[in-house]
C-alpha atoms as a PDB file:
ATOM      1  CA  UNK A   1     -77.452  58.825  38.353  1.00  0.00           C
ATOM      2  CA  UNK A   2     -74.172  56.971  37.884  1.00  0.00           C
ATOM      3  CA  UNK A   3     -74.382  53.375  36.858  1.00  0.00           C
ATOM      4  CA  UNK A   4     -72.130  50.965  38.735  1.00  0.00           C
ATOM      5  CA  UNK A   5     -70.081  48.809  36.408  1.00  0.00           C
ATOM      6  CA  UNK A   6     -69.682  45.242  37.541  1.00  0.00           C
ATOM      7  CA  UNK A   7     -66.314  43.611  37.019  1.00  0.00           C
ATOM      8  CA  UNK A   8     -65.751  40.019  35.997  1.00  0.00           C
ATOM      9  CA  UNK A   9     -64.277  37.782  38.732  1.00  0.00           C
ATOM     10  CA  UNK A  10     -60.907  37.631  36.924  1.00  0.00           C
ATOM     11  CA  UNK A  11     -60.764  41.437  36.832  1.00  0.00           C
ATOM     12  CA  UNK A  12     -61.494  41.636  40.560  1.00  0.00           C
ATOM     13  CA  UNK A  13     -58.778  39.067  41.321  1.00  0.00           C
ATOM     14  CA  UNK A  14     -56.275  40.978  39.165  1.00  0.00           C
ATOM     15  CA  UNK A  15     -57.086  44.249  40.913  1.00  0.00           C
ATOM     16  CA  UNK A  16     -56.849  42.767  44.407  1.00  0.00           C
ATOM     17  CA  UNK A  17     -53.561  41.062  43.499  1.00  0.00           C
ATOM     18  CA  UNK A  18     -52.152  44.286  42.093  1.00  0.00           C
ATOM     19  CA  UNK A  19     -53.130  46.363  45.120  1.00  0.00           C
ATOM     20  CA  UNK A  20     -51.677  43.771  47.526  1.00  0.00           C
ATOM     21  CA  UNK A  21     -48.391  43.546  45.620  1.00  0.00           C
ATOM     22  CA  UNK A  22     -48.013  47.317  45.318  1.00  0.00           C
ATOM     23  CA  UNK A  23     -48.510  47.711  49.062  1.00  0.00           C
ATOM     24  CA  UNK A  24     -46.118  44.854  49.826  1.00  0.00           C
ATOM     25  CA  UNK A  25     -43.343  45.666  47.342  1.00  0.00           C
ATOM     26  CA  UNK A  26     -43.431  49.445  47.669  1.00  0.00           C
ATOM     27  CA  UNK A  27     -44.113  49.487  51.401  1.00  0.00           C
ATOM     28  CA  UNK A  28     -47.161  51.707  50.913  1.00  0.00           C
ATOM     29  CA  UNK A  29     -50.105  51.843  53.289  1.00  0.00           C
ATOM     30  CA  UNK A  30     -53.094  49.803  52.176  1.00  0.00           C
ATOM     31  CA  UNK A  31     -55.236  52.923  52.468  1.00  0.00           C
ATOM     32  CA  UNK A  32     -53.052  54.746  49.978  1.00  0.00           C
ATOM     33  CA  UNK A  33     -53.077  51.863  47.505  1.00  0.00           C
ATOM     34  CA  UNK A  34     -56.836  51.367  47.848  1.00  0.00           C
ATOM     35  CA  UNK A  35     -57.277  54.976  46.728  1.00  0.00           C
ATOM     36  CA  UNK A  36     -55.460  54.434  43.430  1.00  0.00           C
ATOM     37  CA  UNK A  37     -57.660  55.061  40.385  1.00  0.00           C
ATOM     38  CA  UNK A  38     -56.889  53.897  36.848  1.00  0.00           C
ATOM     39  CA  UNK A  39     -55.373  57.306  36.134  1.00  0.00           C
ATOM     40  CA  UNK A  40     -53.065  57.322  39.186  1.00  0.00           C
ATOM     41  CA  UNK A  41     -49.508  57.791  37.932  1.00  0.00           C
ATOM     42  CA  UNK A  42     -47.018  55.237  39.242  1.00  0.00           C
ATOM     43  CA  UNK A  43     -43.517  54.937  37.768  1.00  0.00           C
ATOM     44  CA  UNK A  44     -41.842  58.312  37.896  1.00  0.00           C
ATOM     45  CA  UNK A  45     -44.565  59.741  40.121  1.00  0.00           C
ATOM     46  CA  UNK A  46     -44.089  57.645  43.252  1.00  0.00           C
ATOM     47  CA  UNK A  47     -40.569  57.869  44.684  1.00  0.00           C
ATOM     48  CA  UNK A  48     -40.946  54.307  45.998  1.00  0.00           C
ATOM     49  CA  UNK A  49     -41.573  52.954  42.485  1.00  0.00           C
ATOM     50  CA  UNK A  50     -38.095  53.007  40.993  1.00  0.00           C
ATOM     51  CA  UNK A  51     -36.371  50.515  38.685  1.00  0.00           C
ATOM     52  CA  UNK A  52     -35.433  48.225  41.583  1.00  0.00           C
ATOM     53  CA  UNK A  53     -39.046  48.222  42.766  1.00  0.00           C
ATOM     54  CA  UNK A  54     -40.168  47.288  39.228  1.00  0.00           C
ATOM     55  CA  UNK A  55     -37.827  44.270  39.293  1.00  0.00           C
ATOM     56  CA  UNK A  56     -39.078  43.269  42.762  1.00  0.00           C
ATOM     57  CA  UNK A  57     -42.690  43.750  41.669  1.00  0.00           C
ATOM     58  CA  UNK A  58     -42.226  41.534  38.597  1.00  0.00           C
ATOM     59  CA  UNK A  59     -40.610  38.806  40.717  1.00  0.00           C
ATOM     60  CA  UNK A  60     -43.442  38.947  43.252  1.00  0.00           C
ATOM     61  CA  UNK A  61     -46.007  38.894  40.437  1.00  0.00           C
ATOM     62  CA  UNK A  62     -44.378  35.823  38.873  1.00  0.00           C
ATOM     63  CA  UNK A  63     -44.521  34.055  42.225  1.00  0.00           C
ATOM     64  CA  UNK A  64     -48.141  35.050  42.826  1.00  0.00           C
ATOM     65  CA  UNK A  65     -49.342  34.017  39.358  1.00  0.00           C
ATOM     66  CA  UNK A  66     -47.039  31.033  38.984  1.00  0.00           C
ATOM     67  CA  UNK A  67     -46.000  32.391  35.593  1.00  0.00           C
ATOM     68  CA  UNK A  68     -42.751  33.361  33.934  1.00  0.00           C
ATOM     69  CA  UNK A  69     -42.644  36.949  32.709  1.00  0.00           C
ATOM     70  CA  UNK A  70     -40.385  37.309  29.683  1.00  0.00           C
ATOM     71  CA  UNK A  71     -38.614  40.560  28.821  1.00  0.00           C
ATOM     72  CA  UNK A  72     -40.766  41.025  25.714  1.00  0.00           C
ATOM     73  CA  UNK A  73     -43.937  40.731  27.850  1.00  0.00           C
ATOM     74  CA  UNK A  74     -43.108  44.026  29.561  1.00  0.00           C
ATOM     75  CA  UNK A  75     -43.285  47.565  28.189  1.00  0.00           C
ATOM     76  CA  UNK A  76     -42.327  50.691  30.097  1.00  0.00           C
ATOM     77  CA  UNK A  77     -45.841  52.037  29.480  1.00  0.00           C
ATOM     78  CA  UNK A  78     -47.234  49.168  31.573  1.00  0.00           C
ATOM     79  CA  UNK A  79     -45.921  50.931  34.693  1.00  0.00           C
ATOM     80  CA  UNK A  80     -47.107  54.432  33.834  1.00  0.00           C
ATOM     81  CA  UNK A  81     -50.400  54.287  35.737  1.00  0.00           C
ATOM     82  CA  UNK A  82     -52.449  52.008  37.944  1.00  0.00           C
ATOM     83  CA  UNK A  83     -54.788  51.324  35.020  1.00  0.00           C
ATOM     84  CA  UNK A  84     -51.996  50.365  32.629  1.00  0.00           C
ATOM     85  CA  UNK A  85     -50.400  48.123  35.260  1.00  0.00           C
ATOM     86  CA  UNK A  86     -53.761  46.517  35.956  1.00  0.00           C
ATOM     87  CA  UNK A  87     -54.183  45.783  32.223  1.00  0.00           C
ATOM     88  CA  UNK A  88     -50.705  44.192  32.270  1.00  0.00           C
ATOM     89  CA  UNK A  89     -51.641  41.955  35.230  1.00  0.00           C
ATOM     90  CA  UNK A  90     -54.910  40.981  33.522  1.00  0.00           C
ATOM     91  CA  UNK A  91     -53.012  40.043  30.332  1.00  0.00           C
ATOM     92  CA  UNK A  92     -50.642  37.839  32.295  1.00  0.00           C
ATOM     93  CA  UNK A  93     -53.466  36.299  34.269  1.00  0.00           C
ATOM     94  CA  UNK A  94     -55.334  35.316  31.100  1.00  0.00           C
ATOM     95  CA  UNK A  95     -52.424  33.313  29.664  1.00  0.00           C
END
């Protein structure tokens, strides 16, 4: 039997925020975004997620978190998958 792993409240907030922003910025259906797993490839795999979308996503994330994202906070690998982008959002959220 699989054991359900409980997430901390901050992790849940980060995940909800990420899914909402991806749907909003990329214009994706909520159903599609809700199906993203940690391993779901993003940048380079989704035609909607191009360099302009990354810039728009970062701006929306700054507004949502009330934080300034510096250039050295961001690595290209952060946008490779849903899981890596979620880890990025969690790092920003914890500052």
